[in-house]
Protein backbone atom coordinates (compact mmCIF):
# COMPACT_ATOMS: atom_id res chain seq x y z
CA UNK A 1 0.00 0.00 0.00
CA UNK A 2 1.11 3.52 -0.49
CA UNK A 3 1.41 6.42 1.92
CA UNK A 4 -1.84 7.96 0.69
CA UNK A 5 -3.82 4.96 1.90
CA UNK A 6 -2.11 5.09 5.27
CA UNK A 7 -2.83 8.82 5.53
CA UNK A 8 -6.49 8.23 4.70
CA UNK A 9 -6.81 5.62 7.45
CA UNK A 10 -5.05 7.97 9.87
CA UNK A 11 -7.59 10.69 9.11
CA UNK A 12 -10.49 8.26 9.51
CA UNK A 13 -9.25 7.02 12.89
CA UNK A 14 -8.52 10.59 13.97
CA UNK A 15 -12.05 11.67 13.08
CA UNK A 16 -13.55 8.77 14.98
CA UNK A 17 -11.20 9.62 17.87
CA UNK A 18 -12.57 13.16 17.94
CA UNK A 19 -16.06 11.71 18.31
CA UNK A 20 -15.02 9.42 21.16
CA UNK A 21 -13.07 12.22 22.84
CA UNK A 22 -15.92 14.74 22.68
CA UNK A 23 -18.44 12.16 23.88
CA UNK A 24 -16.21 11.12 26.77
CA UNK A 25 -15.57 14.71 27.76
CA UNK A 26 -19.25 15.65 27.59
CA UNK A 27 -20.44 12.59 29.52
CA UNK A 28 -17.46 12.63 31.90
CA UNK A 29 -16.71 9.03 30.89
CA UNK A 30 -13.05 8.02 31.09
CA UNK A 31 -13.07 5.03 28.74
CA UNK A 32 -14.33 6.87 25.61
CA UNK A 33 -12.16 9.88 26.49
CA UNK A 34 -8.93 7.90 26.63
CA UNK A 35 -9.93 5.75 23.67
CA UNK A 36 -10.36 8.94 21.66
CA UNK A 37 -6.94 10.18 22.70
CA UNK A 38 -5.43 6.81 21.75
CA UNK A 39 -7.13 6.97 18.34
CA UNK A 40 -5.55 10.41 17.77
CA UNK A 41 -2.06 9.29 18.70
CA UNK A 42 -1.46 5.73 17.57
CA UNK A 43 -1.30 6.38 13.77
CA UNK A 44 1.86 8.42 14.30
CA UNK A 45 3.67 5.36 15.63
CA UNK A 46 2.49 2.63 13.26
CA UNK A 47 4.18 2.09 9.92
CA UNK A 48 2.37 -1.04 8.76
CA UNK A 49 -1.09 -0.39 7.30
CA UNK A 50 -2.56 -3.70 8.45
CA UNK A 51 -1.33 -3.17 12.00
CA UNK A 52 -2.84 0.33 11.94
CA UNK A 53 -6.22 -0.98 10.84
CA UNK A 54 -6.18 -3.80 13.41
CA UNK A 55 -5.19 -1.51 16.30
CA UNK A 56 -7.69 1.16 15.22
CA UNK A 57 -10.58 -1.28 15.01
CA UNK A 58 -9.57 -2.81 18.34
CA UNK A 59 -9.52 0.60 20.00
CA UNK A 60 -12.89 1.45 18.49
CA UNK A 61 -14.62 -1.57 20.07
CA UNK A 62 -13.11 -1.14 23.55
CA UNK A 63 -15.88 1.21 24.82
CA UNK A 64 -18.53 -1.33 23.79
CA UNK A 65 -17.00 -4.06 25.94
CA UNK A 66 -15.81 -1.94 28.89
CA UNK A 67 -18.68 0.00 30.41
CA UNK A 68 -18.08 2.28 33.38
C-alpha atoms as a PDB file:
ATOM      1  CA  UNK A   1       0.000   0.000   0.000  1.00  0.00           C
ATOM      2  CA  UNK A   2       1.114   3.519  -0.488  1.00  0.00           C
ATOM      3  CA  UNK A   3       1.405   6.419   1.920  1.00  0.00           C
ATOM      4  CA  UNK A   4      -1.836   7.956   0.688  1.00  0.00           C
ATOM      5  CA  UNK A   5      -3.825   4.960   1.897  1.00  0.00           C
ATOM      6  CA  UNK A   6      -2.115   5.087   5.265  1.00  0.00           C
ATOM      7  CA  UNK A   7      -2.825   8.816   5.528  1.00  0.00           C
ATOM      8  CA  UNK A   8      -6.486   8.232   4.698  1.00  0.00           C
ATOM      9  CA  UNK A   9      -6.814   5.618   7.447  1.00  0.00           C
ATOM     10  CA  UNK A  10      -5.054   7.972   9.867  1.00  0.00           C
ATOM     11  CA  UNK A  11      -7.594  10.693   9.109  1.00  0.00           C
ATOM     12  CA  UNK A  12     -10.489   8.255   9.514  1.00  0.00           C
ATOM     13  CA  UNK A  13      -9.252   7.015  12.889  1.00  0.00           C
ATOM     14  CA  UNK A  14      -8.518  10.592  13.970  1.00  0.00           C
ATOM     15  CA  UNK A  15     -12.052  11.667  13.082  1.00  0.00           C
ATOM     16  CA  UNK A  16     -13.546   8.767  14.985  1.00  0.00           C
ATOM     17  CA  UNK A  17     -11.195   9.619  17.868  1.00  0.00           C
ATOM     18  CA  UNK A  18     -12.570  13.157  17.935  1.00  0.00           C
ATOM     19  CA  UNK A  19     -16.058  11.709  18.309  1.00  0.00           C
ATOM     20  CA  UNK A  20     -15.021   9.421  21.160  1.00  0.00           C
ATOM     21  CA  UNK A  21     -13.073  12.224  22.841  1.00  0.00           C
ATOM     22  CA  UNK A  22     -15.920  14.744  22.681  1.00  0.00           C
ATOM     23  CA  UNK A  23     -18.443  12.160  23.878  1.00  0.00           C
ATOM     24  CA  UNK A  24     -16.207  11.116  26.768  1.00  0.00           C
ATOM     25  CA  UNK A  25     -15.570  14.706  27.761  1.00  0.00           C
ATOM     26  CA  UNK A  26     -19.251  15.652  27.586  1.00  0.00           C
ATOM     27  CA  UNK A  27     -20.440  12.593  29.522  1.00  0.00           C
ATOM     28  CA  UNK A  28     -17.458  12.625  31.899  1.00  0.00           C
ATOM     29  CA  UNK A  29     -16.708   9.025  30.886  1.00  0.00           C
ATOM     30  CA  UNK A  30     -13.053   8.022  31.092  1.00  0.00           C
ATOM     31  CA  UNK A  31     -13.068   5.026  28.737  1.00  0.00           C
ATOM     32  CA  UNK A  32     -14.328   6.870  25.611  1.00  0.00           C
ATOM     33  CA  UNK A  33     -12.161   9.877  26.492  1.00  0.00           C
ATOM     34  CA  UNK A  34      -8.930   7.898  26.635  1.00  0.00           C
ATOM     35  CA  UNK A  35      -9.933   5.748  23.673  1.00  0.00           C
ATOM     36  CA  UNK A  36     -10.364   8.940  21.655  1.00  0.00           C
ATOM     37  CA  UNK A  37      -6.936  10.175  22.701  1.00  0.00           C
ATOM     38  CA  UNK A  38      -5.431   6.809  21.751  1.00  0.00           C
ATOM     39  CA  UNK A  39      -7.131   6.973  18.341  1.00  0.00           C
ATOM     40  CA  UNK A  40      -5.551  10.405  17.772  1.00  0.00           C
ATOM     41  CA  UNK A  41      -2.062   9.294  18.699  1.00  0.00           C
ATOM     42  CA  UNK A  42      -1.463   5.727  17.565  1.00  0.00           C
ATOM     43  CA  UNK A  43      -1.303   6.375  13.766  1.00  0.00           C
ATOM     44  CA  UNK A  44       1.855   8.422  14.302  1.00  0.00           C
ATOM     45  CA  UNK A  45       3.674   5.363  15.629  1.00  0.00           C
ATOM     46  CA  UNK A  46       2.487   2.628  13.262  1.00  0.00           C
ATOM     47  CA  UNK A  47       4.183   2.095   9.924  1.00  0.00           C
ATOM     48  CA  UNK A  48       2.366  -1.037   8.765  1.00  0.00           C
ATOM     49  CA  UNK A  49      -1.089  -0.394   7.295  1.00  0.00           C
ATOM     50  CA  UNK A  50      -2.562  -3.703   8.450  1.00  0.00           C
ATOM     51  CA  UNK A  51      -1.333  -3.170  12.003  1.00  0.00           C
ATOM     52  CA  UNK A  52      -2.837   0.326  11.944  1.00  0.00           C
ATOM     53  CA  UNK A  53      -6.220  -0.981  10.839  1.00  0.00           C
ATOM     54  CA  UNK A  54      -6.180  -3.799  13.410  1.00  0.00           C
ATOM     55  CA  UNK A  55      -5.190  -1.512  16.298  1.00  0.00           C
ATOM     56  CA  UNK A  56      -7.686   1.160  15.223  1.00  0.00           C
ATOM     57  CA  UNK A  57     -10.584  -1.283  15.013  1.00  0.00           C
ATOM     58  CA  UNK A  58      -9.572  -2.813  18.340  1.00  0.00           C
ATOM     59  CA  UNK A  59      -9.517   0.599  19.997  1.00  0.00           C
ATOM     60  CA  UNK A  60     -12.891   1.448  18.488  1.00  0.00           C
ATOM     61  CA  UNK A  61     -14.624  -1.566  20.072  1.00  0.00           C
ATOM     62  CA  UNK A  62     -13.109  -1.137  23.553  1.00  0.00           C
ATOM     63  CA  UNK A  63     -15.876   1.208  24.819  1.00  0.00           C
ATOM     64  CA  UNK A  64     -18.534  -1.332  23.795  1.00  0.00           C
ATOM     65  CA  UNK A  65     -17.005  -4.056  25.945  1.00  0.00           C
ATOM     66  CA  UNK A  66     -15.807  -1.942  28.889  1.00  0.00           C
ATOM     67  CA  UNK A  67     -18.681   0.004  30.407  1.00  0.00           C
ATOM     68  CA  UNK A  68     -18.077   2.277  33.385  1.00  0.00           C
END
